Amino acid sequence: GSFTQFSHEFQTITGAGEDTVFVDMQKKLAVNK
């Protein structure tokens, strides 16, 4: 975003969330859409 080219977020799964992420449950990793 306004900070640098890439970042790491910590995203909590909730239906009320504004982001869409793609999650690998086994590796506990996700990618923002």
All heavy atoms as atom14 arrays in JSON, in Angstrom:
{
  "sequence": "GSFTQFSHEFQTITGAGEDTVFVDMQKKLAVNK",
  "atom14_mask": [
    [1, 1, 1, 1, 0, 0, 0, 0, 0, 0, 0, 0, 0, 0],
    [1, 1, 1, 1, 1, 1, 0, 0, 0, 0, 0, 0, 0, 0],
    [1, 1, 1, 1, 1, 1, 1, 1, 1, 1, 1, 0, 0, 0],
    [1, 1, 1, 1, 1, 1, 1, 0, 0, 0, 0, 0, 0, 0],
    [1, 1, 1, 1, 1, 1, 1, 1, 1, 0, 0, 0, 0, 0],
    [1, 1, 1, 1, 1, 1, 1, 1, 1, 1, 1, 0, 0, 0],
    [1, 1, 1, 1, 1, 1, 0, 0, 0, 0, 0, 0, 0, 0],
    [1, 1, 1, 1, 1, 1, 1, 1, 1, 1, 0, 0, 0, 0],
    [1, 1, 1, 1, 1, 1, 1, 1, 1, 0, 0, 0, 0, 0],
    [1, 1, 1, 1, 1, 1, 1, 1, 1, 1, 1, 0, 0, 0],
    [1, 1, 1, 1, 1, 1, 1, 1, 1, 0, 0, 0, 0, 0],
    [1, 1, 1, 1, 1, 1, 1, 0, 0, 0, 0, 0, 0, 0],
    [1, 1, 1, 1, 1, 1, 1, 1, 0, 0, 0, 0, 0, 0],
    [1, 1, 1, 1, 1, 1, 1, 0, 0, 0, 0, 0, 0, 0],
    [1, 1, 1, 1, 0, 0, 0, 0, 0, 0, 0, 0, 0, 0],
    [1, 1, 1, 1, 1, 0, 0, 0, 0, 0, 0, 0, 0, 0],
    [1, 1, 1, 1, 0, 0, 0, 0, 0, 0, 0, 0, 0, 0],
    [1, 1, 1, 1, 1, 1, 1, 1, 1, 0, 0, 0, 0, 0],
    [1, 1, 1, 1, 1, 1, 1, 1, 0, 0, 0, 0, 0, 0],
    [1, 1, 1, 1, 1, 1, 1, 0, 0, 0, 0, 0, 0, 0],
    [1, 1, 1, 1, 1, 1, 1, 0, 0, 0, 0, 0, 0, 0],
    [1, 1, 1, 1, 1, 1, 1, 1, 1, 1, 1, 0, 0, 0],
    [1, 1, 1, 1, 1, 1, 1, 0, 0, 0, 0, 0, 0, 0],
    [1, 1, 1, 1, 1, 1, 1, 1, 0, 0, 0, 0, 0, 0],
    [1, 1, 1, 1, 1, 1, 1, 1, 0, 0, 0, 0, 0, 0],
    [1, 1, 1, 1, 1, 1, 1, 1, 1, 0, 0, 0, 0, 0],
    [1, 1, 1, 1, 1, 1, 1, 1, 1, 0, 0, 0, 0, 0],
    [1, 1, 1, 1, 1, 1, 1, 1, 1, 0, 0, 0, 0, 0],
    [1, 1, 1, 1, 1, 1, 1, 1, 0, 0, 0, 0, 0, 0],
    [1, 1, 1, 1, 1, 0, 0, 0, 0, 0, 0, 0, 0, 0],
    [1, 1, 1, 1, 1, 1, 1, 0, 0, 0, 0, 0, 0, 0],
    [1, 1, 1, 1, 1, 1, 1, 1, 0, 0, 0, 0, 0, 0],
    [1, 1, 1, 1, 1, 1, 1, 1, 1, 0, 0, 0, 0, 0]
  ],
  "atom14_positions": [
    [[0.82, -1.21, 0.0], [0.0, 0.0, 0.0], [0.85, 1.26, 0.0], [1.75, 1.42, -0.82], [0.0, 0.0, 0.0], [0.0, 0.0, 0.0], [0.0, 0.0, 0.0], [0.0, 0.0, 0.0], [0.0, 0.0, 0.0], [0.0, 0.0, 0.0], [0.0, 0.0, 0.0], [0.0, 0.0, 0.0], [0.0, 0.0, 0.0], [0.0, 0.0, 0.0]],
    [[0.57, 2.16, 0.94], [1.29, 3.44, 1.03], [2.64, 3.29, 1.72], [3.36, 4.27, 1.87], [0.44, 4.45, 1.81], [-0.79, 4.66, 1.18], [0.0, 0.0, 0.0], [0.0, 0.0, 0.0], [0.0, 0.0, 0.0], [0.0, 0.0, 0.0], [0.0, 0.0, 0.0], [0.0, 0.0, 0.0], [0.0, 0.0, 0.0], [0.0, 0.0, 0.0]],
    [[3.0, 2.07, 2.13], [4.22, 1.87, 2.91], [5.39, 1.39, 2.05], [6.43, 2.02, 1.98], [3.96, 0.86, 4.03], [2.99, 1.34, 5.08], [1.63, 1.19, 4.92], [3.46, 1.97, 6.22], [0.74, 1.64, 5.88], [2.58, 2.43, 7.2], [1.22, 2.27, 7.02], [0.0, 0.0, 0.0], [0.0, 0.0, 0.0], [0.0, 0.0, 0.0]],
    [[5.23, 0.26, 1.4], [6.31, -0.32, 0.62], [5.69, -1.26, -0.41], [4.47, -1.39, -0.48], [7.31, -1.05, 1.54], [8.41, -1.52, 0.77], [6.66, -2.22, 2.25], [0.0, 0.0, 0.0], [0.0, 0.0, 0.0], [0.0, 0.0, 0.0], [0.0, 0.0, 0.0], [0.0, 0.0, 0.0], [0.0, 0.0, 0.0], [0.0, 0.0, 0.0]],
    [[6.5, -1.92, -1.22], [5.95, -2.72, -2.31], [5.14, -3.92, -1.82], [4.05, -4.18, -2.3], [7.07, -3.22, -3.22], [6.55, -3.96, -4.45], [7.67, -4.41, -5.38], [8.85, -4.28, -5.04], [7.32, -4.93, -6.53], [0.0, 0.0, 0.0], [0.0, 0.0, 0.0], [0.0, 0.0, 0.0], [0.0, 0.0, 0.0], [0.0, 0.0, 0.0]],
    [[5.7, -4.65, -0.84], [5.02, -5.82, -0.3], [5.01, -5.78, 1.22], [5.83, -5.1, 1.83], [5.67, -7.12, -0.77], [5.56, -7.34, -2.25], [6.67, -7.24, -3.06], [4.33, -7.62, -2.83], [6.58, -7.45, -4.43], [4.23, -7.83, -4.19], [5.35, -7.74, -5.0], [0.0, 0.0, 0.0], [0.0, 0.0, 0.0], [0.0, 0.0, 0.0]],
    [[4.1, -6.52, 1.8], [4.01, -6.59, 3.27], [3.47, -7.95, 3.68], [3.03, -8.74, 2.83], [3.08, -5.49, 3.8], [1.73, -5.8, 3.48], [0.0, 0.0, 0.0], [0.0, 0.0, 0.0], [0.0, 0.0, 0.0], [0.0, 0.0, 0.0], [0.0, 0.0, 0.0], [0.0, 0.0, 0.0], [0.0, 0.0, 0.0], [0.0, 0.0, 0.0]],
    [[3.49, -8.19, 4.97], [2.79, -9.34, 5.54], [1.66, -8.81, 6.4], [1.86, -7.93, 7.23], [3.74, -10.18, 6.4], [4.74, -10.96, 5.61], [6.05, -10.54, 5.45], [4.63, -12.12, 4.93], [6.7, -11.42, 4.71], [5.86, -12.39, 4.38], [0.0, 0.0, 0.0], [0.0, 0.0, 0.0], [0.0, 0.0, 0.0], [0.0, 0.0, 0.0]],
    [[0.49, -9.34, 6.18], [-0.67, -9.03, 7.01], [-0.96, -10.23, 7.91], [-0.54, -11.35, 7.64], [-1.91, -8.76, 6.15], [-1.8, -7.56, 5.25], [-2.98, -7.44, 4.3], [-3.69, -8.45, 4.08], [-3.17, -6.35, 3.76], [0.0, 0.0, 0.0], [0.0, 0.0, 0.0], [0.0, 0.0, 0.0], [0.0, 0.0, 0.0], [0.0, 0.0, 0.0]],
    [[-1.72, -9.95, 8.96], [-2.28, -11.01, 9.79], [-3.79, -10.86, 9.66], [-4.38, -9.87, 10.09], [-1.81, -10.87, 11.24], [-0.34, -11.11, 11.38], [0.56, -10.09, 11.13], [0.14, -12.36, 11.73], [1.93, -10.31, 11.23], [1.51, -12.59, 11.84], [2.4, -11.56, 11.59], [0.0, 0.0, 0.0], [0.0, 0.0, 0.0], [0.0, 0.0, 0.0]],
    [[-4.41, -11.84, 8.99], [-5.82, -11.78, 8.66], [-6.6, -12.8, 9.49], [-6.25, -13.97, 9.54], [-6.04, -12.07, 7.17], [-5.48, -11.02, 6.22], [-6.46, -9.87, 5.99], [-7.54, -9.85, 6.58], [-6.08, -8.92, 5.15], [0.0, 0.0, 0.0], [0.0, 0.0, 0.0], [0.0, 0.0, 0.0], [0.0, 0.0, 0.0], [0.0, 0.0, 0.0]],
    [[-7.69, -12.3, 10.12], [-8.57, -13.17, 10.91], [-9.81, -13.49, 10.1], [-10.48, -12.57, 9.59], [-8.96, -12.5, 12.23], [-7.78, -12.26, 13.0], [-9.9, -13.4, 13.04], [0.0, 0.0, 0.0], [0.0, 0.0, 0.0], [0.0, 0.0, 0.0], [0.0, 0.0, 0.0], [0.0, 0.0, 0.0], [0.0, 0.0, 0.0], [0.0, 0.0, 0.0]],
    [[-10.12, -14.76, 9.98], [-11.28, -15.19, 9.2], [-12.57, -14.76, 9.89], [-12.82, -15.13, 11.04], [-11.26, -16.72, 8.99], [-9.94, -17.15, 8.34], [-12.46, -17.15, 8.16], [-9.6, -16.46, 7.04], [0.0, 0.0, 0.0], [0.0, 0.0, 0.0], [0.0, 0.0, 0.0], [0.0, 0.0, 0.0], [0.0, 0.0, 0.0], [0.0, 0.0, 0.0]],
    [[-13.37, -14.0, 9.19], [-14.68, -13.57, 9.69], [-15.53, -13.12, 8.51], [-15.03, -12.45, 7.59], [-14.58, -12.43, 10.71], [-15.89, -11.9, 10.97], [-13.68, -11.3, 10.25], [0.0, 0.0, 0.0], [0.0, 0.0, 0.0], [0.0, 0.0, 0.0], [0.0, 0.0, 0.0], [0.0, 0.0, 0.0], [0.0, 0.0, 0.0], [0.0, 0.0, 0.0]],
    [[-16.79, -13.48, 8.53], [-17.7, -13.07, 7.46], [-17.88, -11.57, 7.37], [-18.32, -11.05, 6.35], [0.0, 0.0, 0.0], [0.0, 0.0, 0.0], [0.0, 0.0, 0.0], [0.0, 0.0, 0.0], [0.0, 0.0, 0.0], [0.0, 0.0, 0.0], [0.0, 0.0, 0.0], [0.0, 0.0, 0.0], [0.0, 0.0, 0.0], [0.0, 0.0, 0.0]],
    [[-17.53, -10.87, 8.46], [-17.67, -9.41, 8.48], [-16.44, -8.72, 7.9], [-16.41, -7.49, 7.81], [-17.9, -8.93, 9.91], [0.0, 0.0, 0.0], [0.0, 0.0, 0.0], [0.0, 0.0, 0.0], [0.0, 0.0, 0.0], [0.0, 0.0, 0.0], [0.0, 0.0, 0.0], [0.0, 0.0, 0.0], [0.0, 0.0, 0.0], [0.0, 0.0, 0.0]],
    [[-15.43, -9.48, 7.51], [-14.19, -8.89, 7.01], [-14.36, -8.22, 5.66], [-15.22, -8.61, 4.86], [0.0, 0.0, 0.0], [0.0, 0.0, 0.0], [0.0, 0.0, 0.0], [0.0, 0.0, 0.0], [0.0, 0.0, 0.0], [0.0, 0.0, 0.0], [0.0, 0.0, 0.0], [0.0, 0.0, 0.0], [0.0, 0.0, 0.0], [0.0, 0.0, 0.0]],
    [[-13.51, -7.24, 5.39], [-13.56, -6.5, 4.13], [-12.57, -7.03, 3.1], [-12.58, -6.6, 1.95], [-13.27, -5.01, 4.4], [-14.32, -4.35, 5.29], [-14.01, -2.88, 5.54], [-12.83, -2.48, 5.39], [-14.94, -2.14, 5.89], [0.0, 0.0, 0.0], [0.0, 0.0, 0.0], [0.0, 0.0, 0.0], [0.0, 0.0, 0.0], [0.0, 0.0, 0.0]],
    [[-11.7, -7.95, 3.51], [-10.69, -8.5, 2.6], [-11.06, -9.91, 2.16], [-11.76, -10.63, 2.87], [-9.32, -8.54, 3.28], [-8.77, -7.16, 3.54], [-9.06, -6.24, 2.76], [-8.05, -6.99, 4.55], [0.0, 0.0, 0.0], [0.0, 0.0, 0.0], [0.0, 0.0, 0.0], [0.0, 0.0, 0.0], [0.0, 0.0, 0.0], [0.0, 0.0, 0.0]],
    [[-10.58, -10.28, 1.0], [-10.71, -11.65, 0.51], [-9.32, -12.27, 0.48], [-8.39, -11.71, -0.1], [-11.31, -11.69, -0.91], [-12.62, -11.09, -0.87], [-11.44, -13.12, -1.4], [0.0, 0.0, 0.0], [0.0, 0.0, 0.0], [0.0, 0.0, 0.0], [0.0, 0.0, 0.0], [0.0, 0.0, 0.0], [0.0, 0.0, 0.0], [0.0, 0.0, 0.0]],
    [[-9.17, -13.39, 1.17], [-7.88, -14.07, 1.22], [-8.04, -15.51, 0.77], [-9.13, -16.09, 0.85], [-7.27, -14.01, 2.64], [-7.0, -12.57, 3.05], [-8.16, -14.71, 3.66], [0.0, 0.0, 0.0], [0.0, 0.0, 0.0], [0.0, 0.0, 0.0], [0.0, 0.0, 0.0], [0.0, 0.0, 0.0], [0.0, 0.0, 0.0], [0.0, 0.0, 0.0]],
    [[-6.92, -16.07, 0.31], [-6.9, -17.47, -0.1], [-5.96, -18.2, 0.85], [-4.77, -17.89, 0.93], [-6.44, -17.57, -1.56], [-7.43, -17.02, -2.53], [-7.5, -15.66, -2.78], [-8.33, -17.86, -3.17], [-8.43, -15.14, -3.67], [-9.27, -17.35, -4.06], [-9.33, -15.99, -4.31], [0.0, 0.0, 0.0], [0.0, 0.0, 0.0], [0.0, 0.0, 0.0]],
    [[-6.53, -19.16, 1.58], [-5.84, -19.76, 2.72], [-5.42, -21.2, 2.45], [-6.2, -22.0, 1.93], [-6.75, -19.74, 3.98], [-6.02, -20.33, 5.18], [-7.22, -18.33, 4.27], [0.0, 0.0, 0.0], [0.0, 0.0, 0.0], [0.0, 0.0, 0.0], [0.0, 0.0, 0.0], [0.0, 0.0, 0.0], [0.0, 0.0, 0.0], [0.0, 0.0, 0.0]],
    [[-4.17, -21.51, 2.8], [-3.7, -22.89, 2.86], [-3.76, -23.3, 4.33], [-2.93, -22.88, 5.14], [-2.27, -23.0, 2.34], [-1.79, -24.45, 2.25], [-2.06, -25.22, 3.2], [-1.12, -24.81, 1.27], [0.0, 0.0, 0.0], [0.0, 0.0, 0.0], [0.0, 0.0, 0.0], [0.0, 0.0, 0.0], [0.0, 0.0, 0.0], [0.0, 0.0, 0.0]],
    [[-4.77, -24.08, 4.68], [-5.02, -24.44, 6.07], [-3.86, -25.23, 6.68], [-3.53, -25.07, 7.86], [-6.3, -25.27, 6.19], [-7.55, -24.52, 5.79], [-7.97, -23.26, 7.0], [-9.6, -22.79, 6.44], [0.0, 0.0, 0.0], [0.0, 0.0, 0.0], [0.0, 0.0, 0.0], [0.0, 0.0, 0.0], [0.0, 0.0, 0.0], [0.0, 0.0, 0.0]],
    [[-3.24, -26.1, 5.89], [-2.17, -26.94, 6.4], [-0.92, -26.13, 6.73], [-0.3, -26.31, 7.76], [-1.82, -28.03, 5.38], [-2.94, -29.03, 5.12], [-3.32, -29.8, 6.38], [-2.46, -30.22, 7.14], [-4.62, -29.97, 6.6], [0.0, 0.0, 0.0], [0.0, 0.0, 0.0], [0.0, 0.0, 0.0], [0.0, 0.0, 0.0], [0.0, 0.0, 0.0]],
    [[-0.58, -25.18, 5.86], [0.64, -24.39, 6.04], [0.42, -23.12, 6.87], [1.37, -22.41, 7.17], [1.23, -24.03, 4.69], [1.72, -25.24, 3.91], [2.42, -24.84, 2.62], [2.99, -26.07, 1.91], [3.69, -25.71, 0.66], [0.0, 0.0, 0.0], [0.0, 0.0, 0.0], [0.0, 0.0, 0.0], [0.0, 0.0, 0.0], [0.0, 0.0, 0.0]],
    [[-0.84, -22.85, 7.21], [-1.19, -21.66, 8.0], [-0.7, -20.38, 7.31], [-0.23, -19.44, 7.94], [-0.6, -21.74, 9.41], [-1.31, -22.71, 10.33], [-2.66, -22.18, 10.8], [-2.52, -21.06, 11.79], [-3.83, -20.59, 12.3], [0.0, 0.0, 0.0], [0.0, 0.0, 0.0], [0.0, 0.0, 0.0], [0.0, 0.0, 0.0], [0.0, 0.0, 0.0]],
    [[-0.8, -20.38, 5.98], [-0.42, -19.21, 5.19], [-1.6, -18.79, 4.33], [-2.46, -19.6, 3.98], [0.76, -19.52, 4.28], [2.16, -19.56, 4.89], [3.17, -19.95, 3.83], [2.53, -18.21, 5.5], [0.0, 0.0, 0.0], [0.0, 0.0, 0.0], [0.0, 0.0, 0.0], [0.0, 0.0, 0.0], [0.0, 0.0, 0.0], [0.0, 0.0, 0.0]],
    [[-1.63, -17.5, 3.98], [-2.7, -17.0, 3.11], [-2.13, -15.95, 2.16], [-1.06, -15.39, 2.39], [-3.82, -16.4, 3.95], [0.0, 0.0, 0.0], [0.0, 0.0, 0.0], [0.0, 0.0, 0.0], [0.0, 0.0, 0.0], [0.0, 0.0, 0.0], [0.0, 0.0, 0.0], [0.0, 0.0, 0.0], [0.0, 0.0, 0.0], [0.0, 0.0, 0.0]],
    [[-2.87, -15.71, 1.1], [-2.51, -14.69, 0.12], [-3.71, -13.77, -0.06], [-4.82, -14.23, -0.27], [-2.13, -15.32, -1.24], [-1.71, -14.25, -2.22], [-1.02, -16.35, -1.06], [0.0, 0.0, 0.0], [0.0, 0.0, 0.0], [0.0, 0.0, 0.0], [0.0, 0.0, 0.0], [0.0, 0.0, 0.0], [0.0, 0.0, 0.0], [0.0, 0.0, 0.0]],
    [[-3.46, -12.47, 0.05], [-4.53, -11.51, -0.19], [-4.88, -11.52, -1.67], [-3.99, -11.6, -2.53], [-4.09, -10.11, 0.23], [-5.26, -9.16, 0.38], [-6.05, -8.97, -0.55], [-5.36, -8.53, 1.54], [0.0, 0.0, 0.0], [0.0, 0.0, 0.0], [0.0, 0.0, 0.0], [0.0, 0.0, 0.0], [0.0, 0.0, 0.0], [0.0, 0.0, 0.0]],
    [[-6.17, -11.43, -1.98], [-6.64, -11.49, -3.36], [-5.97, -10.44, -4.23], [-5.72, -10.67, -5.42], [-8.17, -11.28, -3.38], [-8.8, -11.39, -4.76], [-10.3, -11.19, -4.68], [-10.94, -11.32, -6.06], [-12.41, -11.15, -5.99], [0.0, 0.0, 0.0], [0.0, 0.0, 0.0], [0.0, 0.0, 0.0], [0.0, 0.0, 0.0], [0.0, 0.0, 0.0]]
  ]
}
